[in-house]
N, C-alpha and C. Protein backbone atom coordinates (compact mmCIF):
# COMPACT_ATOMS: atom_id res chain seq x y z
N MET A 1 1.28 15.50 109.57
CA MET A 1 -0.13 15.10 109.53
C MET A 1 -1.02 16.15 108.91
N LYS A 2 -0.63 17.41 108.96
CA LYS A 2 -1.50 18.49 108.41
C LYS A 2 -1.61 18.20 106.91
N LYS A 3 -0.51 17.78 106.23
CA LYS A 3 -0.64 17.51 104.81
C LYS A 3 -1.59 16.43 104.45
N VAL A 4 -1.56 15.37 105.32
CA VAL A 4 -2.56 14.30 105.11
C VAL A 4 -4.02 14.79 105.27
N GLY A 5 -4.22 15.58 106.23
CA GLY A 5 -5.57 16.11 106.46
C GLY A 5 -5.98 16.97 105.33
N TYR A 6 -5.12 17.91 104.82
CA TYR A 6 -5.50 18.70 103.71
C TYR A 6 -5.72 17.88 102.38
N PHE A 7 -4.92 16.82 102.26
CA PHE A 7 -5.14 15.99 101.08
C PHE A 7 -6.44 15.22 101.12
N LEU A 8 -6.86 14.75 102.35
CA LEU A 8 -8.09 14.05 102.51
C LEU A 8 -9.29 14.99 102.28
N ILE A 9 -9.11 16.25 102.70
CA ILE A 9 -10.21 17.17 102.46
C ILE A 9 -10.36 17.48 100.97
N LEU A 10 -9.22 17.54 100.27
CA LEU A 10 -9.27 17.86 98.81
C LEU A 10 -9.87 16.65 98.08
N ILE A 11 -9.45 15.45 98.40
CA ILE A 11 -10.02 14.27 97.79
C ILE A 11 -11.47 14.17 98.07
N GLY A 12 -11.93 14.45 99.29
CA GLY A 12 -13.30 14.42 99.65
C GLY A 12 -14.07 15.44 98.86
N LEU A 13 -13.57 16.61 98.63
CA LEU A 13 -14.26 17.60 97.88
C LEU A 13 -14.45 17.17 96.43
N LEU A 14 -13.38 16.58 95.82
CA LEU A 14 -13.48 16.11 94.51
C LEU A 14 -14.48 14.92 94.38
N LEU A 15 -14.51 14.05 95.39
CA LEU A 15 -15.45 12.97 95.34
C LEU A 15 -16.92 13.46 95.49
N THR A 16 -17.09 14.58 96.20
CA THR A 16 -18.42 15.16 96.37
C THR A 16 -18.94 15.84 95.03
N ILE A 17 -17.96 16.48 94.37
CA ILE A 17 -18.36 17.20 93.11
C ILE A 17 -18.52 16.26 91.96
N PHE A 18 -17.52 15.38 91.79
CA PHE A 18 -17.56 14.44 90.67
C PHE A 18 -17.97 13.07 91.21
N THR A 19 -19.22 12.74 90.95
CA THR A 19 -19.76 11.47 91.49
C THR A 19 -19.71 10.37 90.49
N THR A 20 -19.18 10.53 89.29
CA THR A 20 -19.09 9.48 88.32
C THR A 20 -17.79 9.61 87.50
N VAL A 21 -17.18 8.53 87.19
CA VAL A 21 -16.01 8.50 86.32
C VAL A 21 -16.38 7.50 85.27
N THR A 22 -16.14 7.92 84.03
CA THR A 22 -16.38 7.09 82.88
C THR A 22 -15.04 6.72 82.26
N PHE A 23 -14.90 5.42 81.97
CA PHE A 23 -13.76 4.95 81.21
C PHE A 23 -14.08 3.96 80.15
N PHE A 24 -13.29 3.80 79.26
CA PHE A 24 -13.50 2.86 78.09
C PHE A 24 -12.52 1.67 78.11
N SER A 25 -13.06 0.52 77.65
CA SER A 25 -12.09 -0.62 77.53
C SER A 25 -12.46 -1.16 76.06
N ARG A 26 -11.46 -1.81 75.49
CA ARG A 26 -11.64 -2.47 74.18
C ARG A 26 -12.01 -3.85 74.29
N GLU A 27 -13.04 -4.24 73.51
CA GLU A 27 -13.56 -5.54 73.58
C GLU A 27 -13.56 -6.10 72.13
N ARG A 28 -13.02 -7.33 72.00
CA ARG A 28 -12.98 -7.95 70.68
C ARG A 28 -14.44 -8.46 70.29
N VAL A 29 -14.92 -8.03 69.20
CA VAL A 29 -16.22 -8.41 68.75
C VAL A 29 -16.16 -9.64 67.86
N ALA A 30 -15.24 -9.62 66.91
CA ALA A 30 -15.10 -10.67 66.00
C ALA A 30 -13.63 -10.83 65.47
N LYS A 31 -13.29 -12.04 65.19
CA LYS A 31 -11.94 -12.32 64.57
C LYS A 31 -12.17 -13.24 63.39
N ILE A 32 -11.87 -12.64 62.25
CA ILE A 32 -11.98 -13.39 60.99
C ILE A 32 -10.59 -13.47 60.31
N GLY A 33 -9.90 -14.54 60.42
CA GLY A 33 -8.60 -14.66 59.82
C GLY A 33 -7.67 -13.75 60.54
N ASP A 34 -7.05 -12.81 59.72
CA ASP A 34 -6.13 -11.76 60.24
C ASP A 34 -6.80 -10.55 60.78
N VAL A 35 -8.10 -10.46 60.53
CA VAL A 35 -8.83 -9.26 60.82
C VAL A 35 -9.43 -9.37 62.13
N ASN A 36 -9.15 -8.38 63.03
CA ASN A 36 -9.84 -8.36 64.34
C ASN A 36 -10.74 -7.07 64.37
N ILE A 37 -11.98 -7.32 64.76
CA ILE A 37 -12.90 -6.24 64.98
C ILE A 37 -13.12 -5.97 66.47
N THR A 38 -12.83 -4.72 66.87
CA THR A 38 -12.95 -4.37 68.27
C THR A 38 -13.98 -3.24 68.45
N ALA A 39 -14.48 -3.11 69.62
CA ALA A 39 -15.39 -2.07 69.95
C ALA A 39 -15.00 -1.58 71.32
N ASN A 40 -15.20 -0.23 71.44
CA ASN A 40 -15.02 0.46 72.76
C ASN A 40 -16.29 0.21 73.63
N LYS A 41 -16.06 -0.22 74.80
CA LYS A 41 -17.11 -0.47 75.71
C LYS A 41 -17.04 0.53 76.92
N ARG A 42 -18.10 1.25 77.16
CA ARG A 42 -18.11 2.25 78.18
C ARG A 42 -18.48 1.68 79.53
N HIS A 43 -17.72 2.09 80.50
CA HIS A 43 -17.93 1.67 81.93
C HIS A 43 -18.10 2.93 82.79
N HIS A 44 -19.03 2.84 83.76
CA HIS A 44 -19.25 3.98 84.63
C HIS A 44 -18.92 3.47 86.08
N LEU A 45 -18.14 4.29 86.79
CA LEU A 45 -17.88 4.06 88.17
C LEU A 45 -18.59 5.15 89.02
N LYS A 46 -19.56 4.71 89.75
CA LYS A 46 -20.36 5.76 90.45
C LYS A 46 -20.20 5.55 92.03
N TRP A 47 -20.36 6.65 92.73
CA TRP A 47 -20.36 6.62 94.16
C TRP A 47 -21.33 7.74 94.71
N SER A 48 -21.69 7.70 95.92
CA SER A 48 -22.58 8.60 96.64
C SER A 48 -21.78 9.84 96.98
N PRO A 49 -22.41 11.01 96.88
CA PRO A 49 -21.72 12.21 97.41
C PRO A 49 -21.47 12.18 98.91
N LEU A 50 -22.14 11.35 99.57
CA LEU A 50 -21.94 11.16 101.05
C LEU A 50 -20.56 10.50 101.28
N THR A 51 -20.03 9.79 100.30
CA THR A 51 -18.67 9.24 100.45
C THR A 51 -17.65 10.36 100.56
N GLY A 52 -17.84 11.38 99.66
CA GLY A 52 -16.86 12.52 99.77
C GLY A 52 -17.10 13.33 100.99
N ILE A 53 -18.27 13.46 101.46
CA ILE A 53 -18.46 14.17 102.77
C ILE A 53 -17.82 13.47 103.91
N ALA A 54 -17.89 12.14 103.91
CA ALA A 54 -17.28 11.32 104.96
C ALA A 54 -15.74 11.48 104.90
N VAL A 55 -15.18 11.49 103.71
CA VAL A 55 -13.69 11.59 103.59
C VAL A 55 -13.31 13.03 104.03
N MET A 56 -14.07 14.03 103.65
CA MET A 56 -13.70 15.40 104.14
C MET A 56 -13.85 15.43 105.74
N GLY A 57 -14.82 14.70 106.34
CA GLY A 57 -14.93 14.68 107.73
C GLY A 57 -13.65 14.03 108.39
N ILE A 58 -13.22 12.96 107.75
CA ILE A 58 -12.02 12.27 108.29
C ILE A 58 -10.82 13.23 108.20
N GLY A 59 -10.68 13.98 107.10
CA GLY A 59 -9.64 14.88 106.96
C GLY A 59 -9.70 15.97 107.96
N GLY A 60 -10.86 16.44 108.25
CA GLY A 60 -11.07 17.40 109.36
C GLY A 60 -10.66 16.92 110.76
N VAL A 61 -10.91 15.67 110.94
CA VAL A 61 -10.55 15.02 112.26
C VAL A 61 -9.01 14.94 112.37
N VAL A 62 -8.40 14.51 111.20
CA VAL A 62 -6.90 14.42 111.20
C VAL A 62 -6.32 15.78 111.40
N LEU A 63 -6.86 16.81 110.80
CA LEU A 63 -6.25 18.19 111.10
C LEU A 63 -6.54 18.63 112.54
N TRP A 64 -7.70 18.30 113.07
CA TRP A 64 -7.98 18.73 114.42
C TRP A 64 -7.04 17.90 115.45
N MET A 65 -6.80 16.68 115.15
CA MET A 65 -5.89 15.90 116.05
C MET A 65 -4.43 16.36 115.94
N SER A 66 -4.04 16.76 114.70
CA SER A 66 -2.62 17.28 114.59
C SER A 66 -2.53 18.63 115.21
N ALA A 67 -3.49 19.49 115.24
CA ALA A 67 -3.41 20.75 115.94
C ALA A 67 -3.52 20.60 117.36
N LYS A 68 -4.18 19.56 117.81
CA LYS A 68 -4.35 19.31 119.30
C LYS A 68 -3.07 18.85 119.96
N LYS A 69 -2.12 18.19 119.16
CA LYS A 69 -0.92 17.63 119.71
C LYS A 69 0.03 18.70 120.06
N LYS A 70 -0.03 19.83 119.46
CA LYS A 70 0.97 20.91 119.64
C LYS A 70 0.66 21.70 120.93
């Protein structure tokens, strides 16, 4: 259980620091005969830093509960 708690704290820290992920997808713009014209389309995935803080809190509770069982 300690590993899960540490993992959740690490993920929460990363979610707090990095609040946006950008990725690209290819989109077909035109097709003329055998020629395909594509364009890269940018997508942003955003979340609140409070999400990372909440995940870190859950990881802290998991660590606290695993230490309490011993």
